[in-house]
Amino acid sequence: MVRPPISRLLQQASTFPLCLATGILLILSLPACAPTTPAPPPLFIPPAPPTVPSEHSAPMHLATVTANASTPSPTLSPNAPADTPSPTPTPSECINDLRYIDDLTFEDGTIVTPGQEIDKQWLVQNNGTCDWEEGYRLALIGGEPLGAPEEVALYPARAGAQAVLRIPFIAPSIAGRYLSAWQAFDPNGTPFGDTVYLDITVAP
């Protein structure tokens, strides 16, 4: 084997430290020359889940507003009155009354003879609102009948009109004072008005 010349070895020996130093620098400079690492993306924080109301929480009611079309309000018309028959007016009850006015014949205390015929007449007024018609009568209510029937028809008279009541009597045969009292009655037997009298004295 042929050995290299000493000059070449020395040259190689002199350049070895330089190459070694250069290699070290290259190794140290590798990180600086490495490509830049991209920055990591920003951390994504998911939104908090919606809070579920507990069973004790008051429920939330959402009011729903519905737009309704404007409709006219119905017009209320008054109900037509039903054709009901009018009640037949009933006449109100009238009032009976008789007012004594005067003695037309044989005034009270007149002296008569025994057995004398007496045509007694009274002037009265129908002072009520009822007409004296059929069924009205004049009846004896006290004293002596003195020959007259105990009941006679009452003279017909309109309400408010005057009437003459007339009853024929016969004087008793015995002297003394005699009284005969008479009362008006309606068809129902109800008495009304003033009482009329025959008041005479029979001479001895």
Protein backbone atom coordinates (compact mmCIF):
# COMPACT_ATOMS: atom_id res chain seq x y z
CA MET A 1 0.00 0.00 0.00
CA VAL A 2 1.21 3.48 -0.88
CA ARG A 3 1.06 5.98 1.95
CA PRO A 4 -0.16 9.48 1.15
CA PRO A 5 2.32 12.25 1.34
CA ILE A 6 2.77 13.91 4.71
CA SER A 7 1.68 17.27 3.35
CA ARG A 8 -1.67 15.85 2.47
CA LEU A 9 -2.08 14.35 5.95
CA LEU A 10 -1.16 17.64 7.53
CA GLN A 11 -3.59 19.41 5.29
CA GLN A 12 -6.28 16.92 6.25
CA ALA A 13 -5.33 17.30 9.91
CA SER A 14 -5.47 21.09 9.71
CA THR A 15 -8.91 21.11 8.11
CA PHE A 16 -10.56 18.59 10.43
CA PRO A 17 -11.17 20.97 13.32
CA LEU A 18 -12.63 23.48 10.93
CA CYS A 19 -14.99 20.96 9.43
CA LEU A 20 -15.99 19.77 12.86
CA ALA A 21 -16.76 23.29 14.01
CA THR A 22 -18.65 23.98 10.85
CA GLY A 23 -20.75 20.84 11.36
CA ILE A 24 -21.62 21.82 14.90
CA LEU A 25 -22.75 25.28 13.77
CA LEU A 26 -24.91 23.74 11.10
CA ILE A 27 -26.57 21.46 13.65
CA LEU A 28 -27.21 24.39 16.02
CA SER A 29 -28.63 26.51 13.27
CA LEU A 30 -31.15 23.90 12.14
CA PRO A 31 -33.97 24.98 14.55
CA ALA A 32 -33.61 28.56 13.42
CA CYS A 33 -33.89 27.57 9.80
CA ALA A 34 -36.81 25.17 10.35
CA PRO A 35 -40.15 26.25 8.89
CA THR A 36 -42.42 28.23 11.22
CA THR A 37 -45.06 26.07 12.97
CA PRO A 38 -48.57 27.54 12.44
CA ALA A 39 -50.30 28.87 15.58
CA PRO A 40 -52.95 26.56 16.97
CA PRO A 41 -56.57 27.62 16.26
CA PRO A 42 -58.37 29.53 19.04
CA LEU A 43 -59.92 27.38 21.68
CA PHE A 44 -63.66 26.80 20.92
CA ILE A 45 -65.84 27.09 24.01
CA PRO A 46 -69.26 25.54 23.36
CA PRO A 47 -72.22 27.60 24.59
CA ALA A 48 -73.75 26.59 27.87
CA PRO A 49 -76.73 24.27 27.43
CA PRO A 50 -80.14 25.90 28.07
CA THR A 51 -81.25 25.78 31.64
CA VAL A 52 -84.01 23.24 32.10
CA PRO A 53 -86.56 24.59 34.56
CA SER A 54 -86.99 22.48 37.61
CA GLU A 55 -90.28 20.90 38.44
CA HIS A 56 -90.79 23.56 41.13
CA SER A 57 -90.25 26.45 38.79
CA ALA A 58 -93.33 28.36 37.64
CA PRO A 59 -94.07 27.50 34.02
CA MET A 60 -93.75 30.26 31.53
CA HIS A 61 -96.83 30.85 29.41
CA LEU A 62 -96.41 32.43 26.05
CA ALA A 63 -99.38 34.49 25.00
CA THR A 64 -100.36 33.91 21.43
CA VAL A 65 -101.99 36.90 19.80
CA THR A 66 -104.19 36.00 16.88
CA ALA A 67 -105.28 38.76 14.58
CA ASN A 68 -108.98 38.26 13.94
CA ALA A 69 -110.73 39.89 11.10
CA SER A 70 -113.02 42.68 12.28
CA THR A 71 -116.59 41.44 12.22
CA PRO A 72 -119.51 43.77 12.79
CA SER A 73 -121.40 43.28 16.05
CA PRO A 74 -124.91 41.94 15.58
CA THR A 75 -127.57 44.58 15.87
CA LEU A 76 -130.00 43.83 18.64
CA SER A 77 -133.54 44.55 17.63
CA PRO A 78 -136.26 44.79 20.27
CA ASN A 79 -138.56 41.86 20.35
CA ALA A 80 -141.90 42.63 18.88
CA PRO A 81 -144.56 42.41 21.56
CA ALA A 82 -146.66 39.34 21.24
CA ASP A 83 -150.25 39.90 20.33
CA THR A 84 -151.83 39.17 23.66
CA PRO A 85 -155.51 39.70 24.06
CA SER A 86 -156.33 42.66 26.23
CA PRO A 87 -158.16 41.69 29.39
CA THR A 88 -161.81 42.53 29.33
CA PRO A 89 -162.30 45.39 31.76
CA THR A 90 -164.60 44.40 34.54
CA PRO A 91 -166.83 47.08 35.89
CA SER A 92 -165.76 48.19 39.32
CA GLU A 93 -168.20 47.51 42.10
CA CYS A 94 -170.59 50.38 42.59
CA ILE A 95 -171.63 51.83 45.91
CA ASN A 96 -175.19 51.92 47.24
CA ASP A 97 -176.36 54.83 49.32
CA LEU A 98 -179.67 56.52 50.18
CA ARG A 99 -179.88 59.98 51.69
CA TYR A 100 -183.07 61.17 53.38
CA ILE A 101 -184.09 64.68 52.33
CA ASP A 102 -187.60 65.44 53.58
CA ASP A 103 -191.05 64.20 54.60
CA LEU A 104 -193.44 65.16 51.82
CA THR A 105 -196.50 64.01 53.74
CA PHE A 106 -197.30 63.31 57.36
CA GLU A 107 -194.34 64.87 59.09
CA ASP A 108 -193.12 63.36 62.31
CA GLY A 109 -195.61 63.83 65.15
CA THR A 110 -198.65 64.34 62.94
CA ILE A 111 -201.92 63.60 64.76
CA VAL A 112 -204.30 61.28 62.96
CA THR A 113 -207.64 59.73 63.73
CA PRO A 114 -208.17 56.01 64.41
CA GLY A 115 -208.33 54.00 61.19
CA GLN A 116 -207.25 56.93 59.02
CA GLU A 117 -205.59 56.07 55.71
CA ILE A 118 -202.08 57.47 55.55
CA ASP A 119 -200.28 58.00 52.22
CA LYS A 120 -196.74 58.44 53.47
CA GLN A 121 -194.13 59.88 51.07
CA TRP A 122 -190.45 60.57 51.62
CA LEU A 123 -188.14 62.54 49.36
CA VAL A 124 -184.78 60.80 49.14
CA GLN A 125 -181.73 60.84 46.89
CA ASN A 126 -179.77 57.98 45.36
CA ASN A 127 -176.46 59.16 46.77
CA GLY A 128 -174.46 56.15 45.56
CA THR A 129 -173.05 55.01 42.23
CA CYS A 130 -175.45 52.09 41.69
CA ASP A 131 -178.78 52.48 39.95
CA TRP A 132 -181.77 51.27 41.93
CA GLU A 133 -183.22 48.66 39.64
CA GLU A 134 -185.04 45.35 39.96
CA GLY A 135 -184.26 43.62 43.22
CA TYR A 136 -183.87 46.77 45.32
CA ARG A 137 -186.46 46.99 48.08
CA LEU A 138 -187.61 48.86 51.17
CA ALA A 139 -188.25 46.64 54.20
CA LEU A 140 -189.65 47.09 57.69
CA ILE A 141 -186.89 46.94 60.32
CA GLY A 142 -188.66 48.22 63.40
CA GLY A 143 -191.95 49.35 64.86
CA GLU A 144 -195.41 48.50 63.58
CA PRO A 145 -196.30 47.71 59.95
CA LEU A 146 -199.54 49.70 60.38
CA GLY A 147 -201.33 47.81 57.66
CA ALA A 148 -198.47 47.95 55.12
CA PRO A 149 -196.63 44.91 53.69
CA GLU A 150 -193.32 44.34 55.42
CA GLU A 151 -191.44 44.71 52.13
CA VAL A 152 -192.05 46.89 49.06
CA ALA A 153 -190.11 47.54 45.87
CA LEU A 154 -187.74 50.49 46.01
CA TYR A 155 -188.59 53.19 43.55
CA PRO A 156 -186.27 52.88 40.48
CA ALA A 157 -183.75 55.70 40.46
CA ARG A 158 -180.47 56.42 38.66
CA ALA A 159 -177.33 57.13 40.63
CA GLY A 160 -177.40 60.72 41.86
CA ALA A 161 -181.13 61.19 41.14
CA GLN A 162 -183.86 62.02 43.64
CA ALA A 163 -186.80 59.72 44.23
CA VAL A 164 -190.06 59.69 46.16
CA LEU A 165 -190.68 56.66 48.35
CA ARG A 166 -194.33 55.94 48.99
CA ILE A 167 -196.01 53.47 51.36
CA PRO A 168 -199.74 53.41 52.28
CA PHE A 169 -200.55 52.94 55.99
CA ILE A 170 -203.68 52.72 58.12
CA ALA A 171 -203.77 54.34 61.55
CA PRO A 172 -204.50 51.98 64.43
CA SER A 173 -207.83 52.15 66.20
CA ILE A 174 -206.21 52.61 69.56
CA ALA A 175 -204.96 56.06 70.49
CA GLY A 176 -201.29 56.54 71.01
CA ARG A 177 -197.97 57.24 69.30
CA TYR A 178 -196.84 54.85 66.61
CA LEU A 179 -193.53 54.48 64.84
CA SER A 180 -192.69 52.46 61.71
CA ALA A 181 -189.02 52.26 60.52
CA TRP A 182 -187.92 51.25 57.01
CA GLN A 183 -184.55 50.42 55.47
CA ALA A 184 -183.32 50.07 51.87
CA PHE A 185 -181.70 46.76 50.75
CA ASP A 186 -179.79 45.83 47.60
CA PRO A 187 -180.46 42.61 45.61
CA ASN A 188 -177.95 40.74 47.80
CA GLY A 189 -179.88 41.64 50.96
CA THR A 190 -177.30 44.18 52.14
CA PRO A 191 -178.84 47.22 53.88
CA PHE A 192 -177.66 50.69 52.91
CA GLY A 193 -178.45 54.36 53.41
CA ASP A 194 -180.56 56.30 55.88
CA THR A 195 -183.57 54.85 57.65
CA VAL A 196 -186.95 56.49 56.95
CA TYR A 197 -189.80 56.64 59.49
CA LEU A 198 -193.49 57.12 59.88
CA ASP A 199 -194.05 58.82 63.21
CA ILE A 200 -197.70 59.53 64.04
CA THR A 201 -199.97 59.97 67.02
CA VAL A 202 -203.48 58.50 67.00
CA ALA A 203 -205.92 60.75 68.73
CA PRO A 204 -208.37 59.29 71.28
